[in-house]
Protein backbone atom coordinates (compact mmCIF):
# COMPACT_ATOMS: atom_id res chain seq x y z
CA MET A 1 -7.11 40.39 19.71
CA PRO A 2 -7.14 37.93 22.66
CA SER A 3 -5.00 34.83 22.28
CA THR A 4 -6.55 31.40 21.97
CA ARG A 5 -4.77 28.62 23.83
CA PHE A 6 -4.31 25.00 22.70
CA ASP A 7 -2.44 21.94 23.83
CA VAL A 8 -0.70 21.63 20.44
CA ALA A 9 -0.43 23.96 17.45
CA ILE A 10 0.54 22.31 14.14
CA VAL A 11 1.81 24.51 11.32
CA GLY A 12 1.16 22.72 8.03
CA GLY A 13 -1.96 20.82 6.98
CA GLY A 14 -0.32 18.47 4.49
CA LEU A 15 0.09 14.71 4.70
CA VAL A 16 1.94 14.52 8.03
CA GLY A 17 0.43 17.59 9.71
CA ALA A 18 -3.15 16.47 9.06
CA SER A 19 -2.36 12.92 10.21
CA LEU A 20 -0.88 14.24 13.45
CA ALA A 21 -3.92 16.46 14.08
CA ILE A 22 -6.18 13.42 13.70
CA ALA A 23 -3.98 11.35 16.02
CA LEU A 24 -4.11 14.05 18.71
CA ASP A 25 -7.87 14.52 18.32
CA ARG A 26 -8.21 10.78 18.86
CA ILE A 27 -6.68 11.12 22.35
CA GLY A 28 -8.68 14.23 23.25
CA ARG A 29 -5.99 16.91 22.93
CA SER A 30 -6.96 20.38 21.73
CA VAL A 31 -5.23 21.16 18.44
CA ALA A 32 -4.78 24.26 16.31
CA LEU A 33 -4.09 23.34 12.70
CA VAL A 34 -2.56 26.29 10.83
CA GLU A 35 -2.99 25.86 7.06
CA ALA A 36 -1.86 28.02 4.16
CA ALA A 37 -4.59 26.76 1.81
CA PRO A 38 -8.12 28.16 2.18
CA ALA A 39 -11.08 25.95 2.94
CA GLY A 40 -12.13 23.99 -0.14
CA ALA A 41 -8.70 24.30 -1.78
CA PRO A 42 -6.48 21.28 -1.04
CA PRO A 43 -2.78 21.82 -0.32
CA ALA A 44 -0.45 21.52 -3.31
CA VAL A 45 0.93 18.22 -1.98
CA PHE A 46 -2.42 16.55 -2.69
CA ASP A 47 -1.60 16.02 -6.35
CA GLU A 48 -1.12 13.13 -8.78
CA ARG A 49 1.91 11.66 -7.01
CA ASN A 50 1.68 7.98 -6.14
CA LEU A 51 2.30 7.29 -2.46
CA SER A 52 3.60 3.88 -1.41
CA PHE A 53 2.29 3.09 2.06
CA ALA A 54 4.31 0.46 3.91
CA GLU A 55 2.44 -2.08 6.04
CA ALA A 56 3.28 -0.08 9.19
CA THR A 57 1.77 3.03 7.58
CA VAL A 58 -1.36 1.13 6.57
CA HIS A 59 -1.78 -0.02 10.18
CA GLY A 60 -1.36 3.53 11.47
CA LEU A 61 -3.73 5.18 9.01
CA ARG A 62 -6.36 2.51 9.55
CA ALA A 63 -6.18 3.05 13.32
CA LEU A 64 -6.67 6.79 12.72
CA GLY A 65 -9.77 6.07 10.63
CA VAL A 66 -8.31 7.66 7.48
CA LEU A 67 -8.10 4.74 5.06
CA GLN A 68 -11.75 3.99 5.64
CA HIS A 69 -12.51 7.28 3.85
CA LEU A 70 -10.64 6.42 0.65
CA ARG A 71 -13.08 6.60 -2.28
CA ALA A 72 -10.72 5.22 -4.92
CA PRO A 73 -9.27 1.70 -4.66
CA ALA A 74 -5.70 1.36 -3.43
CA GLY A 75 -3.20 -0.79 -5.30
CA ALA A 76 -1.77 -3.75 -3.38
CA ILE A 77 2.03 -4.22 -3.40
CA ARG A 78 2.59 -7.97 -3.31
CA ARG A 79 6.04 -8.06 -4.86
CA ILE A 80 8.98 -5.66 -5.18
CA HIS A 81 11.26 -6.04 -8.22
CA VAL A 82 14.55 -4.10 -8.24
CA SER A 83 17.12 -4.03 -11.07
CA ARG A 84 19.64 -1.72 -12.70
CA VAL A 85 20.47 -1.02 -16.32
CA GLY A 86 23.71 -2.78 -17.33
CA ASP A 87 24.09 -4.85 -14.15
CA PHE A 88 23.64 -8.57 -13.68
CA GLY A 89 21.17 -9.80 -11.12
CA ARG A 90 18.02 -8.44 -9.60
CA VAL A 91 16.22 -8.47 -6.29
CA VAL A 92 12.67 -9.80 -6.07
CA LEU A 93 10.84 -9.70 -2.75
CA ASP A 94 7.54 -11.56 -2.42
CA ALA A 95 5.25 -10.77 0.52
CA ALA A 96 3.85 -14.30 0.55
CA GLU A 97 7.33 -15.69 1.26
CA HIS A 98 7.34 -13.65 4.46
CA GLY A 99 3.90 -14.61 5.68
CA ARG A 100 2.10 -11.52 4.45
CA GLU A 101 -0.46 -10.80 1.77
CA THR A 102 1.11 -7.46 0.84
CA PHE A 103 4.04 -5.18 1.66
CA GLY A 104 1.68 -2.22 1.56
CA GLN A 105 -0.49 -0.14 -0.76
CA VAL A 106 -0.22 2.50 -3.48
CA VAL A 107 -2.53 5.49 -3.01
CA VAL A 108 -2.76 8.62 -5.16
CA ALA A 109 -1.91 11.71 -3.08
CA ARG A 110 -5.08 13.49 -4.23
CA ASP A 111 -7.26 10.59 -3.06
CA PHE A 112 -5.41 10.44 0.24
CA GLY A 113 -5.90 14.18 0.71
CA LEU A 114 -9.66 13.79 0.29
CA ALA A 115 -9.66 11.00 2.86
CA LEU A 116 -7.71 13.13 5.34
CA GLU A 117 -10.13 16.02 4.77
CA ALA A 118 -13.13 13.77 5.41
CA ARG A 119 -11.57 12.45 8.62
CA LEU A 120 -10.61 15.96 9.80
CA ASN A 121 -14.24 17.00 9.38
CA GLU A 122 -15.14 14.39 11.99
CA CYS A 123 -12.64 15.69 14.54
CA THR A 124 -14.05 17.53 17.56
CA HIS A 125 -10.82 18.80 19.15
CA VAL A 126 -9.20 20.36 16.05
CA THR A 127 -9.60 24.07 15.24
CA ARG A 128 -8.48 24.94 11.72
CA PHE A 129 -6.95 28.33 10.95
CA ARG A 130 -7.05 28.83 7.17
CA PRO A 131 -5.87 30.48 5.10
CA MET A 132 -3.25 31.50 7.63
CA ARG A 133 0.45 32.21 7.30
CA PHE A 134 2.91 31.48 10.11
CA GLU A 135 5.13 34.52 10.63
CA GLY A 136 7.14 33.60 13.71
CA THR A 137 7.04 32.48 17.31
CA SER A 138 7.99 33.74 20.74
CA MET A 139 7.93 32.31 24.23
CA GLY A 140 5.18 32.97 26.74
CA GLU A 141 4.69 31.58 30.23
CA GLY A 142 4.65 27.82 29.65
CA VAL A 143 3.59 28.25 26.02
CA ARG A 144 4.73 29.06 22.53
CA VAL A 145 3.08 32.12 21.01
CA LEU A 146 2.45 31.79 17.26
CA HIS A 147 2.31 34.99 15.23
CA LEU A 148 -0.06 34.53 12.29
CA ARG A 149 -1.47 36.53 9.40
CA ASP A 150 -4.63 35.69 7.49
CA GLY A 151 -5.40 36.02 3.79
CA ASP A 152 -6.58 39.62 4.25
CA GLY A 153 -3.36 40.65 5.98
CA ASN A 154 -4.78 40.72 9.51
CA ALA A 155 -2.39 39.70 12.27
CA SER A 156 -3.35 37.41 15.14
CA GLU A 157 -1.79 35.21 17.80
CA ILE A 158 -2.52 31.85 19.31
CA GLU A 159 -0.79 30.03 22.17
CA ALA A 160 0.09 26.37 22.54
CA GLN A 161 2.01 24.27 25.00
CA LEU A 162 3.71 22.65 22.00
CA LEU A 163 4.47 24.00 18.53
CA VAL A 164 4.85 21.41 15.76
CA GLY A 165 6.43 22.31 12.44
CA ALA A 166 4.95 20.11 9.71
CA ASP A 167 5.33 22.75 7.03
CA GLY A 168 7.53 20.98 4.53
CA THR A 169 11.04 21.14 3.14
CA ARG A 170 11.37 24.95 3.32
CA SER A 171 9.95 25.02 6.81
CA GLY A 172 9.23 28.45 8.27
CA VAL A 173 8.94 26.88 11.71
CA ARG A 174 12.40 25.30 11.41
CA GLU A 175 13.82 28.66 10.39
CA ALA A 176 12.03 30.48 13.23
CA LEU A 177 13.46 27.99 15.72
CA HIS A 178 16.97 28.59 14.31
CA ILE A 179 17.41 24.92 13.51
CA GLY A 180 19.95 24.50 10.74
CA ALA A 181 19.76 21.94 7.97
CA GLU A 182 22.18 20.11 5.71
CA GLU A 183 21.30 19.95 2.02
CA HIS A 184 22.36 17.69 -0.83
CA ASP A 185 21.12 18.50 -4.32
CA PHE A 186 20.94 15.31 -6.38
CA GLN A 187 20.76 17.42 -9.57
CA GLN A 188 17.78 15.34 -10.60
CA THR A 189 14.18 16.11 -11.44
CA LEU A 190 11.53 13.43 -10.99
CA PHE A 191 8.56 13.29 -13.34
CA VAL A 192 5.37 11.70 -12.05
CA ALA A 193 2.45 10.49 -14.18
CA ARG A 194 -0.13 7.77 -14.66
CA VAL A 195 0.47 5.32 -17.50
CA ARG A 196 -1.44 2.44 -19.07
CA ALA A 197 0.43 -0.64 -20.30
CA GLU A 198 -0.40 -3.76 -22.30
CA GLN A 199 -0.24 -5.77 -19.07
CA ALA A 200 -2.37 -4.63 -16.15
CA PRO A 201 -0.76 -4.32 -12.71
CA ASP A 202 -0.44 -7.65 -10.91
CA GLY A 203 0.75 -6.32 -7.54
CA THR A 204 4.42 -5.93 -8.53
CA ALA A 205 6.17 -2.63 -7.78
CA TYR A 206 9.12 -2.17 -10.13
CA GLU A 207 12.18 -0.01 -9.47
CA ARG A 208 14.65 0.20 -12.36
CA PHE A 209 17.82 2.19 -11.74
CA GLY A 210 19.85 3.94 -14.38
CA PRO A 211 22.74 6.41 -14.51
CA ASN A 212 20.34 9.36 -14.57
CA GLY A 213 18.10 8.20 -11.76
CA PRO A 214 15.34 5.69 -11.04
CA THR A 215 12.30 4.73 -13.09
CA ALA A 216 9.59 3.12 -11.00
CA LEU A 217 6.25 1.62 -11.98
CA LEU A 218 3.82 1.24 -9.09
CA PRO A 219 0.59 -0.81 -9.21
CA ARG A 220 -2.36 1.55 -8.78
CA GLY A 221 -5.83 0.39 -7.88
CA ASP A 222 -7.40 1.80 -11.05
CA GLY A 223 -5.67 -0.59 -13.46
CA HIS A 224 -2.93 1.90 -14.36
CA PHE A 225 0.67 2.22 -13.21
CA GLY A 226 2.02 5.19 -11.36
CA VAL A 227 5.33 6.09 -13.00
CA VAL A 228 8.24 7.97 -11.43
CA HIS A 229 11.05 8.86 -13.83
CA GLY A 230 14.28 10.60 -12.86
CA VAL A 231 16.18 12.80 -15.30
CA PRO A 232 19.25 15.04 -14.97
CA ARG A 233 18.20 18.54 -13.93
CA GLU A 234 19.57 20.08 -17.11
CA GLU A 235 17.28 17.84 -19.21
CA ALA A 236 14.09 18.57 -17.28
CA ASP A 237 12.75 21.28 -19.57
CA VAL A 238 13.30 19.12 -22.63
CA VAL A 239 11.52 16.15 -21.04
CA ALA A 240 8.64 18.35 -19.89
CA ALA A 241 8.15 19.53 -23.49
CA LEU A 242 7.98 16.02 -25.02
CA ASN A 243 4.70 15.01 -26.60
CA GLU A 244 2.97 11.89 -25.28
CA ALA A 245 4.50 9.53 -27.85
CA ALA A 246 8.05 10.75 -27.24
CA TRP A 247 7.53 10.66 -23.46
CA LEU A 248 6.31 7.05 -23.62
CA GLU A 249 9.24 6.11 -25.84
CA ARG A 250 11.64 7.58 -23.28
CA LEU A 251 9.97 5.65 -20.45
CA GLN A 252 10.02 2.42 -22.44
CA SER A 253 13.74 2.80 -23.11
CA ALA A 254 14.49 3.48 -19.43
CA PHE A 255 12.24 0.79 -17.98
CA GLY A 256 12.15 -2.03 -20.51
CA TRP A 257 9.32 -4.38 -21.46
CA ARG A 258 8.35 -6.14 -18.24
CA VAL A 259 4.76 -4.92 -18.51
CA GLY A 260 4.65 -4.89 -22.30
CA ARG A 261 4.27 -1.75 -24.35
CA LEU A 262 3.38 1.48 -22.57
CA LEU A 263 0.22 2.69 -24.31
CA SER A 264 -0.80 6.05 -22.86
CA SER A 265 0.12 8.60 -20.24
CA GLY A 266 -1.65 11.20 -18.17
CA ALA A 267 -0.28 14.65 -17.41
CA ARG A 268 3.25 14.93 -16.02
CA SER A 269 4.34 16.75 -12.87
CA ALA A 270 7.97 17.58 -12.14
CA TYR A 271 9.79 17.77 -8.78
CA PRO A 272 13.44 18.80 -8.27
CA ILE A 273 15.09 16.40 -5.81
CA VAL A 274 17.03 17.92 -2.92
CA GLN A 275 17.69 16.10 0.34
CA VAL A 276 17.29 18.39 3.37
CA VAL A 277 18.09 17.05 6.84
CA ALA A 278 17.51 19.18 9.95
CA LYS A 279 20.37 19.24 12.46
CA ALA A 280 17.93 18.90 15.37
CA LEU A 281 14.35 17.72 15.82
CA ILE A 282 13.38 19.66 18.94
CA ALA A 283 13.67 23.08 20.54
CA GLN A 284 12.05 24.67 23.60
CA ARG A 285 8.37 23.65 23.43
CA ALA A 286 8.73 22.84 19.76
CA VAL A 287 9.34 19.88 17.45
CA ILE A 288 9.58 19.41 13.68
CA VAL A 289 8.24 16.38 11.82
CA GLY A 290 7.92 15.02 8.29
CA ASN A 291 9.64 16.90 5.48
CA ALA A 292 10.45 19.77 7.84
CA ALA A 293 12.65 17.32 9.76
CA GLN A 294 13.98 15.40 6.77
CA THR A 295 13.20 15.52 3.07
CA LEU A 296 14.52 12.37 1.39
CA HIS A 297 15.25 11.28 -2.14
CA PRO A 298 12.01 9.46 -3.06
CA ILE A 299 13.94 6.35 -4.09
CA GLY A 300 12.46 3.44 -2.15
CA ALA A 301 9.37 5.53 -1.24
CA GLN A 302 10.46 6.22 2.34
CA GLY A 303 9.48 9.88 2.86
CA PHE A 304 5.86 9.89 4.03
CA ASN A 305 6.24 6.56 5.80
CA LEU A 306 9.06 8.03 7.90
CA GLY A 307 7.11 11.24 8.51
CA LEU A 308 4.04 9.37 9.73
CA ARG A 309 6.20 7.46 12.19
CA ASP A 310 7.46 10.85 13.42
CA ALA A 311 3.88 11.99 13.99
CA LEU A 312 2.59 8.81 15.63
CA THR A 313 5.60 8.52 17.95
CA LEU A 314 4.93 12.08 19.15
CA ALA A 315 1.20 11.39 19.60
CA GLU A 316 1.99 8.22 21.54
CA LEU A 317 4.19 10.13 23.99
CA ILE A 318 1.61 12.90 24.39
CA GLU A 319 -1.10 10.29 25.03
CA ALA A 320 0.63 9.36 28.28
CA GLY A 321 -0.66 12.68 29.67
CA GLY A 322 0.81 15.80 31.12
CA ASP A 323 2.38 18.77 29.38
CA PRO A 324 2.90 18.00 25.68
CA GLY A 325 5.73 20.55 25.51
CA ASP A 326 7.65 19.14 28.45
CA ALA A 327 11.39 19.07 27.77
CA GLY A 328 11.70 15.46 28.90
CA LEU A 329 8.91 14.33 26.57
CA LEU A 330 10.52 16.08 23.61
CA ALA A 331 13.93 14.61 24.43
CA GLU A 332 12.37 11.15 24.51
CA HIS A 333 10.75 11.82 21.14
CA ALA A 334 14.12 12.75 19.62
CA ARG A 335 15.72 9.66 21.18
CA ARG A 336 13.04 7.31 19.86
CA ARG A 337 13.18 8.77 16.36
CA ALA A 338 16.98 8.72 16.05
CA ASP A 339 17.56 5.11 14.93
CA ASP A 340 14.69 4.94 12.43
CA ARG A 341 15.63 8.32 10.99
CA GLU A 342 19.35 7.54 10.66
CA ARG A 343 18.83 4.12 9.09
CA THR A 344 16.20 5.37 6.64
CA LEU A 345 18.40 8.30 5.59
CA GLU A 346 21.34 5.96 5.07
CA PHE A 347 19.20 3.59 2.99
CA SER A 348 17.59 6.26 0.83
CA GLY A 349 20.60 8.48 0.22
CA GLY A 350 23.05 5.61 -0.11
CA LEU A 351 20.90 3.75 -2.61
CA ALA A 352 20.43 6.90 -4.71
CA ARG A 353 24.18 7.50 -4.88
CA LEU A 354 25.21 3.88 -5.47
CA THR A 355 22.74 3.13 -8.22
CA ALA A 356 23.54 6.37 -10.07
CA ASN A 357 27.30 5.70 -10.06
CA GLU A 358 28.46 4.69 -13.55
CA GLY A 359 32.01 3.78 -12.54
CA GLU A 360 33.23 0.45 -13.86
CA ALA A 361 34.52 -0.46 -10.41
CA THR A 362 31.07 -0.24 -8.84
CA ARG A 363 29.24 -2.35 -11.45
CA PRO A 364 30.48 -5.78 -10.29
CA LEU A 365 29.95 -4.74 -6.67
CA ARG A 366 26.33 -3.86 -7.40
CA SER A 367 25.80 -7.13 -9.24
CA LEU A 368 27.30 -9.05 -6.32
CA GLY A 369 25.07 -7.07 -3.99
CA PHE A 370 21.95 -7.98 -5.95
CA GLY A 371 22.98 -11.62 -5.80
CA ALA A 372 23.73 -11.48 -2.08
CA VAL A 373 20.37 -9.94 -1.22
CA GLN A 374 18.59 -12.51 -3.36
CA HIS A 375 20.23 -15.47 -1.64
CA LEU A 376 21.21 -14.41 1.92
CA PRO A 377 18.23 -14.55 4.32
CA ALA A 378 19.65 -12.01 6.78
CA LEU A 379 20.09 -9.34 4.10
CA ARG A 380 16.66 -10.06 2.66
CA ALA A 381 15.13 -9.78 6.13
CA GLN A 382 16.62 -6.30 6.55
CA LEU A 383 15.22 -5.17 3.21
CA VAL A 384 11.83 -6.70 3.95
CA GLY A 385 11.68 -5.02 7.37
CA GLY A 386 12.40 -1.67 5.76
CA ALA A 387 9.84 -2.25 3.01
CA LEU A 388 7.21 -3.03 5.65
CA GLY A 389 8.10 0.12 7.62
CA TYR A 390 9.63 -1.55 10.66
CA ARG A 391 12.87 0.26 11.46
CA GLY A 392 13.96 1.30 14.92
CA ASP A 393 11.41 2.09 17.64
CA VAL A 394 8.11 1.78 15.76
CA PRO A 395 5.06 3.53 17.28
CA ARG A 396 2.33 1.30 18.63
CA LEU A 397 -0.33 2.20 16.04
CA CYS A 398 2.09 1.31 13.22
CA ARG A 399 2.51 -2.14 14.77
CA GLY A 400 -1.24 -2.69 14.52
CA GLU A 401 -1.80 -2.21 18.26
CA ALA A 402 -4.69 0.28 18.22
């Protein structure tokens, strides 16, 4: 079977991979999008999880024409309220105090997936290969050769000047490129659901830390809260088996009464939390982005925001023209992503470890830290910048410069 040649081949049609394909279509580059899910069947990542889009992410997705396709209303994040069980103090960030209407938006992953699909259907430079499994890669003359297999077991090949791995935490592309990864298992499972409370969302995103992990309530656009509740891994099966009343009682105990009584809950989904950080971002004519490059603890809702900045930085460099797999271009991509990536990893992983530590010695330090952030403008500015998605070298579209 003759090979088909593209400028860029993206393996993985999830949140980041689809966004990158749209960004490259926007600048006229030919793209092969290799997807495991068949047409009409959304990827598993398009589920009931609640995605917190920072302001920078909102700018980027609006410039790509994706947010315009959302059918369900997004929830505005106007305030961020952070506290921990047993500690004095709290941190409250208000967007209005920093000259903004919101810090960002809450969007349900399923709704976002439908918007991405609608936008992909408008693309004229994207060829979708689905259902298709990536089985490996080899080098050709000035190209990467992708070895693929379809749902019927038929093998095929395509060629691209640049291979992009956007295929998630257990990335087959990362493995094929022989890029190692460091892992840290937090021994936690996060449960995600939709809940209704006595008080409707007012734009406040709550994050309440406890010894077993975080409990977050995020303001959805449908009048419900998106809840994220962390439990020790060994308790996950027990929590999954709770009836609705017992589940709500557990949430109420972990979170408190800031939104009144929790009245009802939708179905729960569970996700084991393991941080996976690739030891390199680039290889010969190849790059990894999103969860393939770094899978974070979801504390602080940094994962997709960081992955989109990966994708839009790469698209910005490719937009300048020339060979998208050029070694100098890829080195510049890795350089530009280094600071944002390192600082976000430090924030996410460090916060997860600190807030879960029950040691008596750390409790007064945390309380002092809450007080310092609340009253020291420089510290608050750092937190606000991170919440808005402005860390390191931010791509132009994320700055609102379409």
